Amino acid sequence: LNKTELVEYISNWGWINKDKFEKIKTKSRDDKSIFDLIITICDTGDITFKYRLKNLKLILSLLPSNIHLILVEQIRDIKSFDIVIKERQQLFSNTLLENTNYTYVPIFYDKIFNKPWLYNIGRRYIKTNHIIFGETDCFPLDPFYFDKLKMYIQSKDYNCCYCWNRVIYLSPDTNEIIDHKFPVPGGMEGGMIDRKSVV
């Protein structure tokens, strides 16, 4: 599939950025989201991807309607580009709440998984002044997590903070607790991070 053919592929997936090989699918709501949650994903060919997809499905099912989800996916095989997009569309339809606000940005890039670049791409589609950089292997179980996080951040006026006070490590099937960690200087990094931004 050459670049011209990609650019000509429109269907119901919105518009295509000719230079970046992007296809954008957006579902918007009228009311205001309190956070943008950017999650990146890429099938690198190892066994962990099936667990990441399972986790992603769980994350989508837990998202409240006041979160704007931005899922940026790096697709490394151009032949499977359209197939992956259709699979994600089905995932969104079957999993997300009806009024959830999301933007899906599939990117063709056949090199190594470039997570920072995908986060930067996701940053272009934010709608609020708070970005949460999420992961497919990290999800909150508290249904009021994002509302509590918003109150905490507003009370502390942080520009950037970790969005957790404990991380529980689960087995791949999520049935067993393996370990847990608390935030300490020089300790674990990542998980979910909030960054204040200017829209």
N, C-alpha and C. Protein backbone atom coordinates (compact mmCIF):
# COMPACT_ATOMS: atom_id res chain seq x y z
N LEU A 1 0.86 -1.19 0.00
CA LEU A 1 0.00 0.00 0.00
C LEU A 1 0.89 1.23 0.00
N ASN A 2 0.80 2.04 -1.04
CA ASN A 2 1.67 3.22 -1.10
C ASN A 2 1.00 4.43 -0.47
N LYS A 3 1.75 5.51 -0.41
CA LYS A 3 1.28 6.71 0.30
C LYS A 3 0.02 7.28 -0.34
N THR A 4 -0.02 7.27 -1.68
CA THR A 4 -1.18 7.82 -2.37
C THR A 4 -2.45 7.04 -2.01
N GLU A 5 -2.34 5.72 -1.98
CA GLU A 5 -3.50 4.90 -1.65
C GLU A 5 -3.95 5.15 -0.21
N LEU A 6 -2.99 5.36 0.69
CA LEU A 6 -3.34 5.66 2.08
C LEU A 6 -4.10 6.97 2.18
N VAL A 7 -3.62 7.97 1.47
CA VAL A 7 -4.25 9.29 1.52
C VAL A 7 -5.66 9.23 0.96
N GLU A 8 -5.89 8.36 -0.01
CA GLU A 8 -7.20 8.27 -0.63
C GLU A 8 -8.19 7.48 0.20
N TYR A 9 -7.70 6.77 1.21
CA TYR A 9 -8.58 5.98 2.06
C TYR A 9 -9.25 6.91 3.06
N ILE A 10 -10.52 7.19 2.88
CA ILE A 10 -11.24 8.10 3.77
C ILE A 10 -12.26 7.33 4.60
N SER A 11 -13.17 6.63 3.98
CA SER A 11 -14.28 5.90 4.61
C SER A 11 -14.90 6.75 5.72
N ASN A 12 -15.19 6.13 6.87
CA ASN A 12 -15.84 6.89 7.95
C ASN A 12 -14.84 7.24 9.05
N TRP A 13 -13.58 7.22 8.75
CA TRP A 13 -12.56 7.47 9.77
C TRP A 13 -12.04 8.89 9.72
N GLY A 14 -12.85 9.82 9.22
CA GLY A 14 -12.45 11.22 9.26
C GLY A 14 -11.40 11.53 8.22
N TRP A 15 -10.45 12.33 8.59
CA TRP A 15 -9.45 12.79 7.64
C TRP A 15 -8.11 12.12 7.90
N ILE A 16 -7.23 12.24 6.93
CA ILE A 16 -5.90 11.64 7.03
C ILE A 16 -4.85 12.72 6.88
N ASN A 17 -3.89 12.74 7.79
CA ASN A 17 -2.75 13.63 7.67
C ASN A 17 -1.78 13.01 6.68
N LYS A 18 -1.62 13.61 5.52
CA LYS A 18 -0.83 13.01 4.44
C LYS A 18 0.62 12.80 4.83
N ASP A 19 1.16 13.68 5.67
CA ASP A 19 2.57 13.58 6.01
C ASP A 19 2.86 12.56 7.10
N LYS A 20 1.90 12.31 7.97
CA LYS A 20 2.14 11.46 9.14
C LYS A 20 1.46 10.10 9.06
N PHE A 21 0.71 9.85 7.98
CA PHE A 21 -0.01 8.58 7.85
C PHE A 21 -0.97 8.38 9.02
N GLU A 22 -1.66 9.42 9.43
CA GLU A 22 -2.59 9.33 10.55
C GLU A 22 -4.02 9.22 10.04
N LYS A 23 -4.82 8.47 10.76
CA LYS A 23 -6.26 8.48 10.55
C LYS A 23 -6.90 8.81 11.89
N ILE A 24 -7.81 9.72 11.90
CA ILE A 24 -8.38 10.20 13.15
C ILE A 24 -9.85 9.80 13.24
N LYS A 25 -10.22 9.21 14.35
CA LYS A 25 -11.63 8.94 14.63
C LYS A 25 -11.96 9.63 15.94
N THR A 26 -12.91 10.53 15.93
CA THR A 26 -13.25 11.30 17.12
C THR A 26 -14.74 11.20 17.40
N LYS A 27 -15.05 11.02 18.66
CA LYS A 27 -16.44 11.09 19.11
C LYS A 27 -16.48 12.14 20.20
N SER A 28 -17.23 13.21 19.99
CA SER A 28 -17.22 14.34 20.92
C SER A 28 -18.54 14.45 21.67
N ARG A 29 -18.47 15.09 22.81
CA ARG A 29 -19.64 15.41 23.61
C ARG A 29 -19.71 16.92 23.79
N ASP A 30 -20.85 17.42 24.23
CA ASP A 30 -21.00 18.85 24.44
C ASP A 30 -20.45 19.29 25.78
N ASP A 31 -20.56 18.44 26.81
CA ASP A 31 -20.11 18.87 28.14
C ASP A 31 -18.59 18.77 28.26
N LYS A 32 -18.06 19.38 29.29
CA LYS A 32 -16.62 19.55 29.44
C LYS A 32 -15.98 18.35 30.14
N SER A 33 -14.92 17.83 29.55
CA SER A 33 -14.14 16.79 30.19
C SER A 33 -13.22 17.42 31.23
N ILE A 34 -12.85 16.67 32.27
CA ILE A 34 -11.96 17.20 33.29
C ILE A 34 -10.51 16.81 33.05
N PHE A 35 -10.30 15.74 32.28
CA PHE A 35 -8.94 15.29 31.95
C PHE A 35 -8.88 14.80 30.53
N ASP A 36 -7.69 14.87 29.96
CA ASP A 36 -7.36 14.11 28.76
C ASP A 36 -6.49 12.95 29.21
N LEU A 37 -6.86 11.75 28.84
CA LEU A 37 -6.07 10.56 29.17
C LEU A 37 -5.46 10.04 27.88
N ILE A 38 -4.13 10.14 27.76
CA ILE A 38 -3.44 9.65 26.57
C ILE A 38 -2.85 8.27 26.88
N ILE A 39 -3.22 7.31 26.07
CA ILE A 39 -2.68 5.95 26.19
C ILE A 39 -2.06 5.57 24.86
N THR A 40 -0.88 4.98 24.90
CA THR A 40 -0.20 4.54 23.68
C THR A 40 -0.14 3.01 23.68
N ILE A 41 -0.16 2.45 22.48
CA ILE A 41 -0.12 1.00 22.36
C ILE A 41 0.54 0.62 21.04
N CYS A 42 1.20 -0.55 21.04
CA CYS A 42 1.85 -1.04 19.82
C CYS A 42 2.00 -2.56 19.94
N ASP A 43 1.66 -3.27 18.89
CA ASP A 43 1.88 -4.72 18.85
C ASP A 43 3.32 -4.95 18.42
N THR A 44 4.16 -5.28 19.41
CA THR A 44 5.58 -5.49 19.13
C THR A 44 5.88 -6.95 18.78
N GLY A 45 4.85 -7.77 18.74
CA GLY A 45 5.04 -9.15 18.34
C GLY A 45 5.30 -10.12 19.48
N ASP A 46 5.33 -9.63 20.72
CA ASP A 46 5.56 -10.56 21.84
C ASP A 46 4.24 -10.91 22.53
N ILE A 47 4.32 -11.83 23.47
CA ILE A 47 3.12 -12.37 24.10
C ILE A 47 2.39 -11.34 24.98
N THR A 48 3.10 -10.31 25.41
CA THR A 48 2.48 -9.34 26.32
C THR A 48 1.37 -8.53 25.66
N PHE A 49 1.35 -8.46 24.33
CA PHE A 49 0.36 -7.62 23.66
C PHE A 49 -1.06 -8.08 23.95
N LYS A 50 -1.28 -9.39 24.01
CA LYS A 50 -2.65 -9.87 24.27
C LYS A 50 -3.11 -9.45 25.67
N TYR A 51 -2.16 -9.38 26.62
CA TYR A 51 -2.51 -8.93 27.95
C TYR A 51 -2.77 -7.42 27.95
N ARG A 52 -2.00 -6.70 27.15
CA ARG A 52 -2.21 -5.25 27.06
C ARG A 52 -3.58 -4.94 26.45
N LEU A 53 -3.97 -5.71 25.45
CA LEU A 53 -5.30 -5.51 24.87
C LEU A 53 -6.40 -5.81 25.89
N LYS A 54 -6.20 -6.85 26.68
CA LYS A 54 -7.15 -7.20 27.73
C LYS A 54 -7.23 -6.08 28.75
N ASN A 55 -6.08 -5.54 29.15
CA ASN A 55 -6.06 -4.41 30.09
C ASN A 55 -6.72 -3.18 29.49
N LEU A 56 -6.46 -2.93 28.21
CA LEU A 56 -7.06 -1.78 27.55
C LEU A 56 -8.58 -1.88 27.59
N LYS A 57 -9.09 -3.07 27.35
CA LYS A 57 -10.53 -3.27 27.41
C LYS A 57 -11.06 -2.96 28.80
N LEU A 58 -10.33 -3.37 29.82
CA LEU A 58 -10.73 -3.07 31.20
C LEU A 58 -10.70 -1.57 31.46
N ILE A 59 -9.64 -0.91 31.02
CA ILE A 59 -9.52 0.54 31.19
C ILE A 59 -10.71 1.25 30.53
N LEU A 60 -11.04 0.87 29.31
CA LEU A 60 -12.14 1.50 28.60
C LEU A 60 -13.46 1.30 29.34
N SER A 61 -13.64 0.13 29.92
CA SER A 61 -14.89 -0.14 30.63
C SER A 61 -15.00 0.65 31.93
N LEU A 62 -13.86 1.09 32.48
CA LEU A 62 -13.85 1.83 33.74
C LEU A 62 -13.91 3.34 33.54
N LEU A 63 -13.69 3.82 32.32
CA LEU A 63 -13.60 5.26 32.08
C LEU A 63 -14.94 5.94 32.34
N PRO A 64 -14.95 6.98 33.19
CA PRO A 64 -16.17 7.77 33.36
C PRO A 64 -16.38 8.68 32.15
N SER A 65 -17.56 9.21 32.04
CA SER A 65 -17.90 10.01 30.86
C SER A 65 -17.23 11.38 30.85
N ASN A 66 -16.61 11.80 31.97
CA ASN A 66 -15.97 13.13 31.99
C ASN A 66 -14.49 13.07 31.66
N ILE A 67 -14.05 11.97 31.05
CA ILE A 67 -12.66 11.83 30.62
C ILE A 67 -12.61 11.79 29.11
N HIS A 68 -11.71 12.56 28.52
CA HIS A 68 -11.48 12.49 27.08
C HIS A 68 -10.31 11.54 26.83
N LEU A 69 -10.60 10.38 26.29
CA LEU A 69 -9.57 9.38 25.99
C LEU A 69 -8.93 9.67 24.64
N ILE A 70 -7.60 9.63 24.62
CA ILE A 70 -6.85 9.73 23.36
C ILE A 70 -6.00 8.47 23.26
N LEU A 71 -6.38 7.57 22.38
CA LEU A 71 -5.61 6.34 22.17
C LEU A 71 -4.79 6.49 20.90
N VAL A 72 -3.46 6.44 21.06
CA VAL A 72 -2.55 6.55 19.93
C VAL A 72 -1.90 5.19 19.73
N GLU A 73 -2.13 4.60 18.57
CA GLU A 73 -1.63 3.25 18.32
C GLU A 73 -0.63 3.26 17.17
N GLN A 74 0.55 2.70 17.45
CA GLN A 74 1.56 2.52 16.41
C GLN A 74 1.34 1.17 15.75
N ILE A 75 1.07 1.18 14.45
CA ILE A 75 0.85 -0.04 13.68
C ILE A 75 2.08 -0.27 12.80
N ARG A 76 2.75 -1.36 12.99
CA ARG A 76 4.04 -1.59 12.34
C ARG A 76 3.94 -2.30 10.99
N ASP A 77 2.78 -2.90 10.72
CA ASP A 77 2.58 -3.62 9.46
C ASP A 77 1.52 -2.91 8.64
N ILE A 78 1.93 -2.29 7.54
CA ILE A 78 1.00 -1.50 6.74
C ILE A 78 -0.13 -2.36 6.18
N LYS A 79 0.13 -3.65 5.97
CA LYS A 79 -0.90 -4.53 5.42
C LYS A 79 -2.04 -4.74 6.40
N SER A 80 -1.77 -4.63 7.69
CA SER A 80 -2.81 -4.84 8.69
C SER A 80 -3.42 -3.54 9.20
N PHE A 81 -3.06 -2.42 8.59
CA PHE A 81 -3.48 -1.10 9.06
C PHE A 81 -5.00 -1.01 9.17
N ASP A 82 -5.70 -1.30 8.08
CA ASP A 82 -7.16 -1.18 8.08
C ASP A 82 -7.82 -2.21 8.99
N ILE A 83 -7.24 -3.38 9.08
CA ILE A 83 -7.79 -4.44 9.94
C ILE A 83 -7.74 -4.01 11.40
N VAL A 84 -6.60 -3.46 11.83
CA VAL A 84 -6.43 -3.02 13.21
C VAL A 84 -7.44 -1.91 13.53
N ILE A 85 -7.60 -0.97 12.61
CA ILE A 85 -8.55 0.13 12.82
C ILE A 85 -9.96 -0.40 13.04
N LYS A 86 -10.37 -1.37 12.25
CA LYS A 86 -11.72 -1.94 12.39
C LYS A 86 -11.85 -2.68 13.72
N GLU A 87 -10.78 -3.36 14.14
CA GLU A 87 -10.82 -4.06 15.43
C GLU A 87 -10.97 -3.08 16.58
N ARG A 88 -10.28 -1.94 16.51
CA ARG A 88 -10.39 -0.94 17.58
C ARG A 88 -11.78 -0.30 17.58
N GLN A 89 -12.32 -0.07 16.39
CA GLN A 89 -13.67 0.49 16.31
C GLN A 89 -14.66 -0.43 17.00
N GLN A 90 -14.51 -1.72 16.79
CA GLN A 90 -15.38 -2.69 17.45
C GLN A 90 -15.16 -2.68 18.96
N LEU A 91 -13.90 -2.56 19.37
CA LEU A 91 -13.58 -2.49 20.79
C LEU A 91 -14.24 -1.28 21.44
N PHE A 92 -14.16 -0.12 20.79
CA PHE A 92 -14.79 1.08 21.33
C PHE A 92 -16.30 0.90 21.42
N SER A 93 -16.90 0.36 20.38
CA SER A 93 -18.36 0.21 20.33
C SER A 93 -18.86 -0.74 21.42
N ASN A 94 -18.09 -1.79 21.67
CA ASN A 94 -18.53 -2.81 22.62
C ASN A 94 -18.20 -2.50 24.07
N THR A 95 -17.25 -1.58 24.30
CA THR A 95 -16.70 -1.40 25.64
C THR A 95 -16.99 -0.04 26.24
N LEU A 96 -16.82 1.04 25.46
CA LEU A 96 -16.97 2.37 26.02
C LEU A 96 -18.42 2.70 26.35
N LEU A 97 -18.60 3.50 27.38
CA LEU A 97 -19.93 4.02 27.68
C LEU A 97 -20.41 4.86 26.50
N GLU A 98 -21.70 4.93 26.34
CA GLU A 98 -22.29 5.59 25.18
C GLU A 98 -21.85 7.05 25.04
N ASN A 99 -21.72 7.75 26.17
CA ASN A 99 -21.39 9.18 26.10
C ASN A 99 -19.91 9.46 26.33
N THR A 100 -19.05 8.45 26.20
CA THR A 100 -17.62 8.68 26.38
C THR A 100 -17.04 9.44 25.20
N ASN A 101 -16.17 10.37 25.52
CA ASN A 101 -15.53 11.23 24.54
C ASN A 101 -14.15 10.65 24.23
N TYR A 102 -13.86 10.32 22.97
CA TYR A 102 -12.57 9.74 22.65
C TYR A 102 -12.04 10.18 21.30
N THR A 103 -10.74 10.07 21.15
CA THR A 103 -10.06 10.29 19.88
C THR A 103 -9.11 9.12 19.66
N TYR A 104 -9.21 8.47 18.54
CA TYR A 104 -8.33 7.35 18.20
C TYR A 104 -7.41 7.79 17.06
N VAL A 105 -6.10 7.64 17.27
CA VAL A 105 -5.11 8.08 16.30
C VAL A 105 -4.19 6.91 15.95
N PRO A 106 -4.49 6.16 14.88
CA PRO A 106 -3.59 5.10 14.45
C PRO A 106 -2.46 5.68 13.58
N ILE A 107 -1.25 5.22 13.84
CA ILE A 107 -0.06 5.72 13.13
C ILE A 107 0.67 4.54 12.50
N PHE A 108 1.03 4.65 11.24
CA PHE A 108 1.89 3.63 10.64
C PHE A 108 3.36 4.04 10.82
N TYR A 109 4.09 3.18 11.52
CA TYR A 109 5.53 3.38 11.70
C TYR A 109 6.12 2.00 11.97
N ASP A 110 6.94 1.49 11.05
CA ASP A 110 7.36 0.10 11.11
C ASP A 110 8.64 -0.14 11.90
N LYS A 111 9.10 0.88 12.63
CA LYS A 111 10.31 0.71 13.45
C LYS A 111 9.92 0.34 14.88
N ILE A 112 10.87 0.49 15.79
CA ILE A 112 10.66 0.14 17.20
C ILE A 112 9.54 0.98 17.80
N PHE A 113 8.86 0.43 18.81
CA PHE A 113 7.79 1.14 19.52
C PHE A 113 8.33 2.45 20.05
N ASN A 114 7.75 3.57 19.59
CA ASN A 114 8.25 4.89 19.94
C ASN A 114 7.23 5.60 20.82
N LYS A 115 7.17 5.20 22.09
CA LYS A 115 6.17 5.71 23.01
C LYS A 115 6.21 7.23 23.20
N PRO A 116 7.39 7.84 23.41
CA PRO A 116 7.41 9.31 23.59
C PRO A 116 6.84 10.05 22.39
N TRP A 117 7.14 9.58 21.19
CA TRP A 117 6.62 10.21 19.97
C TRP A 117 5.11 10.10 19.92
N LEU A 118 4.58 8.93 20.30
CA LEU A 118 3.13 8.74 20.29
C LEU A 118 2.45 9.64 21.33
N TYR A 119 3.09 9.82 22.50
CA TYR A 119 2.55 10.75 23.49
C TYR A 119 2.51 12.17 22.91
N ASN A 120 3.55 12.55 22.21
CA ASN A 120 3.60 13.89 21.61
C ASN A 120 2.49 14.06 20.57
N ILE A 121 2.23 13.01 19.80
CA ILE A 121 1.13 13.07 18.83
C ILE A 121 -0.20 13.21 19.57
N GLY A 122 -0.39 12.41 20.61
CA GLY A 122 -1.62 12.49 21.39
C GLY A 122 -1.83 13.86 22.00
N ARG A 123 -0.75 14.52 22.36
CA ARG A 123 -0.82 15.86 22.96
C ARG A 123 -1.51 16.87 22.05
N ARG A 124 -1.46 16.64 20.75
CA ARG A 124 -2.07 17.58 19.80
C ARG A 124 -3.60 17.55 19.86
N TYR A 125 -4.18 16.52 20.48
CA TYR A 125 -5.63 16.36 20.46
C TYR A 125 -6.27 16.59 21.82
N ILE A 126 -5.54 17.19 22.75
CA ILE A 126 -6.11 17.42 24.08
C ILE A 126 -7.19 18.50 24.03
N LYS A 127 -8.12 18.42 25.00
CA LYS A 127 -9.22 19.38 25.08
C LYS A 127 -9.30 20.05 26.43
N THR A 128 -8.49 19.62 27.39
CA THR A 128 -8.54 20.19 28.74
C THR A 128 -7.17 20.73 29.11
N ASN A 129 -7.05 21.25 30.34
CA ASN A 129 -5.75 21.76 30.78
C ASN A 129 -5.03 20.78 31.70
N HIS A 130 -5.49 19.52 31.72
CA HIS A 130 -4.78 18.49 32.46
C HIS A 130 -4.66 17.23 31.61
N ILE A 131 -3.44 16.78 31.43
CA ILE A 131 -3.17 15.57 30.65
C ILE A 131 -2.71 14.48 31.59
N ILE A 132 -3.31 13.31 31.48
CA ILE A 132 -2.79 12.14 32.17
C ILE A 132 -2.12 11.25 31.14
N PHE A 133 -0.85 10.97 31.36
CA PHE A 133 -0.13 10.04 30.49
C PHE A 133 -0.31 8.65 31.10
N GLY A 134 -1.10 7.83 30.43
CA GLY A 134 -1.43 6.51 30.96
C GLY A 134 -0.68 5.39 30.27
N GLU A 135 -0.95 4.19 30.73
CA GLU A 135 -0.32 2.98 30.20
C GLU A 135 -1.38 1.90 30.04
N THR A 136 -1.14 0.97 29.13
CA THR A 136 -2.08 -0.14 28.97
C THR A 136 -1.93 -1.17 30.09
N ASP A 137 -0.89 -1.04 30.89
CA ASP A 137 -0.73 -2.00 31.99
C ASP A 137 -0.95 -1.34 33.35
N CYS A 138 -1.67 -0.22 33.37
CA CYS A 138 -1.94 0.49 34.62
C CYS A 138 -3.36 1.04 34.57
N PHE A 139 -4.18 0.64 35.53
CA PHE A 139 -5.57 1.09 35.51
C PHE A 139 -6.10 1.26 36.93
N PRO A 140 -6.94 2.27 37.15
CA PRO A 140 -7.55 2.48 38.47
C PRO A 140 -8.81 1.64 38.62
N LEU A 141 -9.04 1.12 39.81
CA LEU A 141 -10.24 0.33 40.06
C LEU A 141 -11.34 1.12 40.76
N ASP A 142 -10.98 2.27 41.34
CA ASP A 142 -11.95 3.11 42.02
C ASP A 142 -12.78 3.86 40.97
N PRO A 143 -14.10 3.70 40.95
CA PRO A 143 -14.92 4.38 39.93
C PRO A 143 -14.90 5.90 40.06
N PHE A 144 -14.48 6.41 41.23
CA PHE A 144 -14.41 7.86 41.42
C PHE A 144 -12.97 8.37 41.39
N TYR A 145 -12.08 7.55 40.88
CA TYR A 145 -10.64 7.87 40.87
C TYR A 145 -10.36 9.22 40.24
N PHE A 146 -10.88 9.47 39.05
CA PHE A 146 -10.55 10.70 38.32
C PHE A 146 -11.14 11.93 39.00
N ASP A 147 -12.31 11.81 39.59
CA ASP A 147 -12.89 12.94 40.33
C ASP A 147 -12.05 13.26 41.57
N LYS A 148 -11.60 12.22 42.28
CA LYS A 148 -10.74 12.43 43.45
C LYS A 148 -9.40 13.04 43.03
N LEU A 149 -8.88 12.56 41.92
CA LEU A 149 -7.60 13.09 41.42
C LEU A 149 -7.73 14.56 41.07
N LYS A 150 -8.82 14.93 40.45
CA LYS A 150 -9.04 16.33 40.09
C LYS A 150 -9.07 17.21 41.35
N MET A 151 -9.80 16.78 42.38
CA MET A 151 -9.87 17.56 43.63
C MET A 151 -8.49 17.67 44.28
N TYR A 152 -7.75 16.58 44.26
CA TYR A 152 -6.41 16.59 44.86
C TYR A 152 -5.49 17.56 44.14
N ILE A 153 -5.49 17.50 42.83
CA ILE A 153 -4.61 18.37 42.05
C ILE A 153 -5.00 19.84 42.23
N GLN A 154 -6.31 20.12 42.26
CA GLN A 154 -6.76 21.50 42.44
C GLN A 154 -6.39 22.02 43.83
N SER A 155 -6.43 21.16 44.83
CA SER A 155 -6.11 21.60 46.19
C SER A 155 -4.62 21.83 46.38
N LYS A 156 -3.79 21.15 45.62
CA LYS A 156 -2.33 21.27 45.75
C LYS A 156 -1.73 22.19 44.71
N ASP A 157 -2.45 22.45 43.63
CA ASP A 157 -1.98 23.29 42.54
C ASP A 157 -0.63 22.80 41.99
N TYR A 158 -0.54 21.51 41.72
CA TYR A 158 0.67 20.96 41.14
C TYR A 158 0.70 21.21 39.63
N ASN A 159 1.89 21.38 39.10
CA ASN A 159 2.06 21.40 37.65
C ASN A 159 2.23 19.99 37.10
N CYS A 160 2.75 19.11 37.94
CA CYS A 160 2.98 17.74 37.52
C CYS A 160 3.00 16.84 38.76
N CYS A 161 2.41 15.67 38.67
CA CYS A 161 2.44 14.76 39.82
C CYS A 161 2.14 13.34 39.37
N TYR A 162 2.59 12.38 40.18
CA TYR A 162 2.16 11.00 39.98
C TYR A 162 0.70 10.90 40.40
N CYS A 163 -0.05 10.08 39.73
CA CYS A 163 -1.48 9.96 39.99
C CYS A 163 -1.80 8.74 40.84
N TRP A 164 -0.91 8.38 41.72
CA TRP A 164 -1.14 7.19 42.54
C TRP A 164 -0.39 7.33 43.86
N ASN A 165 -0.91 6.65 44.89
CA ASN A 165 -0.20 6.58 46.16
C ASN A 165 0.21 5.14 46.49
N ARG A 166 -0.24 4.22 45.62
CA ARG A 166 0.22 2.85 45.71
C ARG A 166 -0.05 2.16 44.37
N VAL A 167 0.89 1.36 43.94
CA VAL A 167 0.72 0.57 42.72
C VAL A 167 0.74 -0.90 43.10
N ILE A 168 -0.30 -1.61 42.71
CA ILE A 168 -0.39 -3.05 42.97
C ILE A 168 -0.04 -3.79 41.69
N TYR A 169 0.94 -4.68 41.78
CA TYR A 169 1.35 -5.46 40.62
C TYR A 169 0.56 -6.77 40.59
N LEU A 170 -0.09 -7.02 39.46
CA LEU A 170 -0.91 -8.22 39.30
C LEU A 170 -0.25 -9.19 38.32
N SER A 171 -0.64 -10.45 38.42
CA SER A 171 -0.21 -11.45 37.45
C SER A 171 -0.83 -11.12 36.09
N PRO A 172 -0.28 -11.68 34.99
CA PRO A 172 -0.82 -11.37 33.66
C PRO A 172 -2.33 -11.60 33.53
N ASP A 173 -2.86 -12.59 34.23
CA ASP A 173 -4.29 -12.84 34.17
C ASP A 173 -5.08 -12.00 35.17
N THR A 174 -4.38 -11.12 35.91
CA THR A 174 -4.94 -10.19 36.91
C THR A 174 -5.62 -10.89 38.08
N ASN A 175 -5.34 -12.16 38.28
CA ASN A 175 -5.99 -12.92 39.36
C ASN A 175 -5.16 -12.98 40.63
N GLU A 176 -3.91 -12.55 40.57
CA GLU A 176 -3.02 -12.70 41.72
C GLU A 176 -2.21 -11.42 41.94
N ILE A 177 -2.12 -10.98 43.19
CA ILE A 177 -1.27 -9.83 43.53
C ILE A 177 0.17 -10.33 43.72
N ILE A 178 1.08 -9.74 42.96
CA ILE A 178 2.48 -10.16 43.02
C ILE A 178 3.28 -9.27 43.95
N ASP A 179 3.02 -7.96 43.91
CA ASP A 179 3.80 -7.01 44.70
C ASP A 179 3.03 -5.70 44.78
N HIS A 180 3.50 -4.78 45.59
CA HIS A 180 2.96 -3.43 45.59
C HIS A 180 4.07 -2.46 45.99
N LYS A 181 3.95 -1.23 45.49
CA LYS A 181 4.97 -0.22 45.76
C LYS A 181 4.30 1.10 46.08
N PHE A 182 5.02 1.90 46.91
CA PHE A 182 4.57 3.23 47.28
C PHE A 182 5.55 4.25 46.69
N PRO A 183 5.08 5.47 46.42
CA PRO A 183 6.00 6.47 45.86
C PRO A 183 7.06 6.91 46.87
N VAL A 184 8.31 6.79 46.47
CA VAL A 184 9.44 7.24 47.29
C VAL A 184 10.44 7.89 46.36
N PRO A 185 11.24 8.86 46.85
CA PRO A 185 12.26 9.48 46.00
C PRO A 185 13.20 8.43 45.42
N GLY A 186 13.38 8.47 44.12
CA GLY A 186 14.26 7.52 43.46
C GLY A 186 13.63 6.16 43.24
N GLY A 187 12.34 6.05 43.55
CA GLY A 187 11.66 4.76 43.41
C GLY A 187 11.04 4.60 42.04
N MET A 188 9.95 3.84 42.01
CA MET A 188 9.28 3.53 40.75
C MET A 188 8.81 4.80 40.04
N GLU A 189 8.93 4.80 38.74
CA GLU A 189 8.45 5.91 37.92
C GLU A 189 7.36 5.40 36.99
N GLY A 190 6.61 6.33 36.43
CA GLY A 190 5.60 5.95 35.46
C GLY A 190 4.25 5.70 36.09
N GLY A 191 3.56 4.71 35.58
CA GLY A 191 2.20 4.47 36.03
C GLY A 191 1.27 5.43 35.31
N MET A 192 0.70 6.38 36.06
CA MET A 192 -0.13 7.42 35.47
C MET A 192 0.40 8.76 35.99
N ILE A 193 0.69 9.67 35.09
CA ILE A 193 1.28 10.96 35.45
C ILE A 193 0.40 12.08 34.94
N ASP A 194 0.10 13.05 35.79
CA ASP A 194 -0.68 14.21 35.39
C ASP A 194 0.25 15.37 35.09
N ARG A 195 -0.05 16.08 34.02
CA ARG A 195 0.74 17.26 33.64
C ARG A 195 -0.21 18.38 33.30
N LYS A 196 -0.06 19.52 33.99
CA LYS A 196 -0.88 20.69 33.67
C LYS A 196 -0.45 21.22 32.31
N SER A 197 -1.42 21.64 31.52
CA SER A 197 -1.12 22.11 30.17
C SER A 197 -1.97 23.31 29.86
N VAL A 198 -1.65 23.96 28.77
CA VAL A 198 -2.45 25.09 28.27
C VAL A 198 -3.03 24.68 26.94
N VAL A 199 -4.35 24.64 26.84
CA VAL A 199 -5.01 24.23 25.61
C VAL A 199 -4.98 25.38 24.62
